[in-house]
Amino acid sequence: VELAGKQTHSVFQYFREGRRYHYVITVCSKEAEERCPIFPGIGKMKRLHWPFEDPSQASGTQEEKLAKVRAIRDQIRHRIQQFIAES
């Protein structure tokens, strides 16, 4: 999926639109978990926290940063596939 030019959306925008979910999965790093976004209406859904490194903290050359971001992306993809298989 090409993400260039895509914008992030506030969870509150989805809440105002009336969207409801069974699960909310946060992927903040372990260090940032307490600052992970709060999702309104969480009482009726299950919150899962899957800690991953923050890709914005990648350092090195542009190629090294890109490799790190891709590795994190692949870790998230793998965890999602596991979640789906277990559900």
C-alpha atoms as a PDB file:
ATOM      1  CA  VAL A   1       0.000   0.000   0.000  1.00  0.00           C
ATOM      2  CA  GLU A   2       1.403   3.359  -0.997  1.00  0.00           C
ATOM      3  CA  LEU A   3       1.249   5.810   1.899  1.00  0.00           C
ATOM      4  CA  ALA A   4       2.804   8.841   0.224  1.00  0.00           C
ATOM      5  CA  GLY A   5       0.482  11.829   0.514  1.00  0.00           C
ATOM      6  CA  LYS A   6      -1.768  10.102   3.054  1.00  0.00           C
ATOM      7  CA  GLN A   7      -2.794  11.968   6.180  1.00  0.00           C
ATOM      8  CA  THR A   8      -3.330  10.708   9.690  1.00  0.00           C
ATOM      9  CA  HIS A   9      -6.799  10.908  11.166  1.00  0.00           C
ATOM     10  CA  SER A  10      -7.890  11.562  14.710  1.00  0.00           C
ATOM     11  CA  VAL A  11      -9.648   8.712  16.486  1.00  0.00           C
ATOM     12  CA  PHE A  12     -12.173  11.306  17.611  1.00  0.00           C
ATOM     13  CA  GLN A  13     -13.113  11.891  13.968  1.00  0.00           C
ATOM     14  CA  TYR A  14     -14.069   8.219  13.658  1.00  0.00           C
ATOM     15  CA  PHE A  15     -15.912   8.306  16.974  1.00  0.00           C
ATOM     16  CA  ARG A  16     -17.955  11.340  15.863  1.00  0.00           C
ATOM     17  CA  GLU A  17     -18.814   9.483  12.638  1.00  0.00           C
ATOM     18  CA  GLY A  18     -20.338   6.757  14.795  1.00  0.00           C
ATOM     19  CA  ARG A  19     -17.778   4.089  13.961  1.00  0.00           C
ATOM     20  CA  ARG A  20     -17.534   1.368  16.564  1.00  0.00           C
ATOM     21  CA  TYR A  21     -14.919  -1.349  16.907  1.00  0.00           C
ATOM     22  CA  HIS A  22     -14.489  -4.620  18.788  1.00  0.00           C
ATOM     23  CA  TYR A  23     -10.769  -4.018  19.314  1.00  0.00           C
ATOM     24  CA  VAL A  24      -8.468  -1.037  19.600  1.00  0.00           C
ATOM     25  CA  ILE A  25      -4.819  -1.921  19.128  1.00  0.00           C
ATOM     26  CA  THR A  26      -2.124   0.545  20.086  1.00  0.00           C
ATOM     27  CA  VAL A  27       1.427   0.108  18.816  1.00  0.00           C
ATOM     28  CA  CYS A  28       3.324   2.695  20.855  1.00  0.00           C
ATOM     29  CA  SER A  29       6.770   1.771  22.109  1.00  0.00           C
ATOM     30  CA  LYS A  30       7.065   0.406  25.647  1.00  0.00           C
ATOM     31  CA  GLU A  31       8.526   3.747  26.720  1.00  0.00           C
ATOM     32  CA  ALA A  32       5.605   5.708  25.234  1.00  0.00           C
ATOM     33  CA  GLU A  33       2.770   3.373  26.254  1.00  0.00           C
ATOM     34  CA  GLU A  34       1.409   5.719  28.906  1.00  0.00           C
ATOM     35  CA  ARG A  35       1.173   8.436  26.229  1.00  0.00           C
ATOM     36  CA  CYS A  36      -0.609   6.233  23.674  1.00  0.00           C
ATOM     37  CA  PRO A  37      -3.785   7.787  22.297  1.00  0.00           C
ATOM     38  CA  ILE A  38      -7.000   7.313  24.200  1.00  0.00           C
ATOM     39  CA  PHE A  39      -9.896   5.977  22.172  1.00  0.00           C
ATOM     40  CA  PRO A  40     -13.351   7.228  23.175  1.00  0.00           C
ATOM     41  CA  GLY A  41     -15.885   4.589  24.110  1.00  0.00           C
ATOM     42  CA  ILE A  42     -13.193   2.074  25.012  1.00  0.00           C
ATOM     43  CA  GLY A  43     -15.448   0.469  27.641  1.00  0.00           C
ATOM     44  CA  LYS A  44     -17.306  -1.542  24.996  1.00  0.00           C
ATOM     45  CA  MET A  45     -14.227  -2.741  23.150  1.00  0.00           C
ATOM     46  CA  LYS A  46     -11.097  -4.624  23.992  1.00  0.00           C
ATOM     47  CA  ARG A  47      -7.821  -2.668  24.052  1.00  0.00           C
ATOM     48  CA  LEU A  48      -4.674  -4.509  23.071  1.00  0.00           C
ATOM     49  CA  HIS A  49      -1.209  -3.011  23.295  1.00  0.00           C
ATOM     50  CA  TRP A  50       1.504  -4.293  20.991  1.00  0.00           C
ATOM     51  CA  PRO A  51       4.708  -2.383  21.712  1.00  0.00           C
ATOM     52  CA  PHE A  52       6.904  -1.653  18.708  1.00  0.00           C
ATOM     53  CA  GLU A  53       9.857   0.654  18.343  1.00  0.00           C
ATOM     54  CA  ASP A  54       9.012   4.191  17.239  1.00  0.00           C
ATOM     55  CA  PRO A  55      10.066   4.435  13.576  1.00  0.00           C
ATOM     56  CA  SER A  56      10.477   8.196  13.913  1.00  0.00           C
ATOM     57  CA  GLN A  57      13.419   7.507  16.242  1.00  0.00           C
ATOM     58  CA  ALA A  58      15.396   5.584  13.602  1.00  0.00           C
ATOM     59  CA  SER A  59      18.856   7.007  13.056  1.00  0.00           C
ATOM     60  CA  GLY A  60      21.623   6.652  10.527  1.00  0.00           C
ATOM     61  CA  THR A  61      21.737   7.299   6.829  1.00  0.00           C
ATOM     62  CA  GLN A  62      18.524   7.644   4.850  1.00  0.00           C
ATOM     63  CA  GLU A  63      18.915   4.045   3.689  1.00  0.00           C
ATOM     64  CA  GLU A  64      19.454   2.817   7.269  1.00  0.00           C
ATOM     65  CA  LYS A  65      16.397   4.725   8.494  1.00  0.00           C
ATOM     66  CA  LEU A  66      14.290   3.327   5.670  1.00  0.00           C
ATOM     67  CA  ALA A  67      15.480  -0.209   6.447  1.00  0.00           C
ATOM     68  CA  LYS A  68      14.533   0.256  10.121  1.00  0.00           C
ATOM     69  CA  VAL A  69      11.084   1.637   9.263  1.00  0.00           C
ATOM     70  CA  ARG A  70      10.470  -1.268   6.892  1.00  0.00           C
ATOM     71  CA  ALA A  71      11.552  -3.773   9.549  1.00  0.00           C
ATOM     72  CA  ILE A  72       9.065  -2.275  12.035  1.00  0.00           C
ATOM     73  CA  ARG A  73       6.360  -2.291   9.364  1.00  0.00           C
ATOM     74  CA  ASP A  74       7.034  -5.976   8.725  1.00  0.00           C
ATOM     75  CA  GLN A  75       6.894  -6.761  12.457  1.00  0.00           C
ATOM     76  CA  ILE A  76       3.501  -5.058  12.691  1.00  0.00           C
ATOM     77  CA  ARG A  77       2.254  -6.923   9.607  1.00  0.00           C
ATOM     78  CA  HIS A  78       3.374 -10.243  11.110  1.00  0.00           C
ATOM     79  CA  ARG A  79       1.631  -9.482  14.428  1.00  0.00           C
ATOM     80  CA  ILE A  80      -1.600  -8.570  12.619  1.00  0.00           C
ATOM     81  CA  GLN A  81      -1.478 -11.813  10.657  1.00  0.00           C
ATOM     82  CA  GLN A  82      -0.981 -13.730  13.924  1.00  0.00           C
ATOM     83  CA  PHE A  83      -3.931 -11.919  15.492  1.00  0.00           C
ATOM     84  CA  ILE A  84      -6.187 -12.765  12.553  1.00  0.00           C
ATOM     85  CA  ALA A  85      -5.107 -16.413  12.547  1.00  0.00           C
ATOM     86  CA  GLU A  86      -5.818 -16.706  16.284  1.00  0.00           C
ATOM     87  CA  SER A  87      -9.257 -15.049  16.051  1.00  0.00           C
END
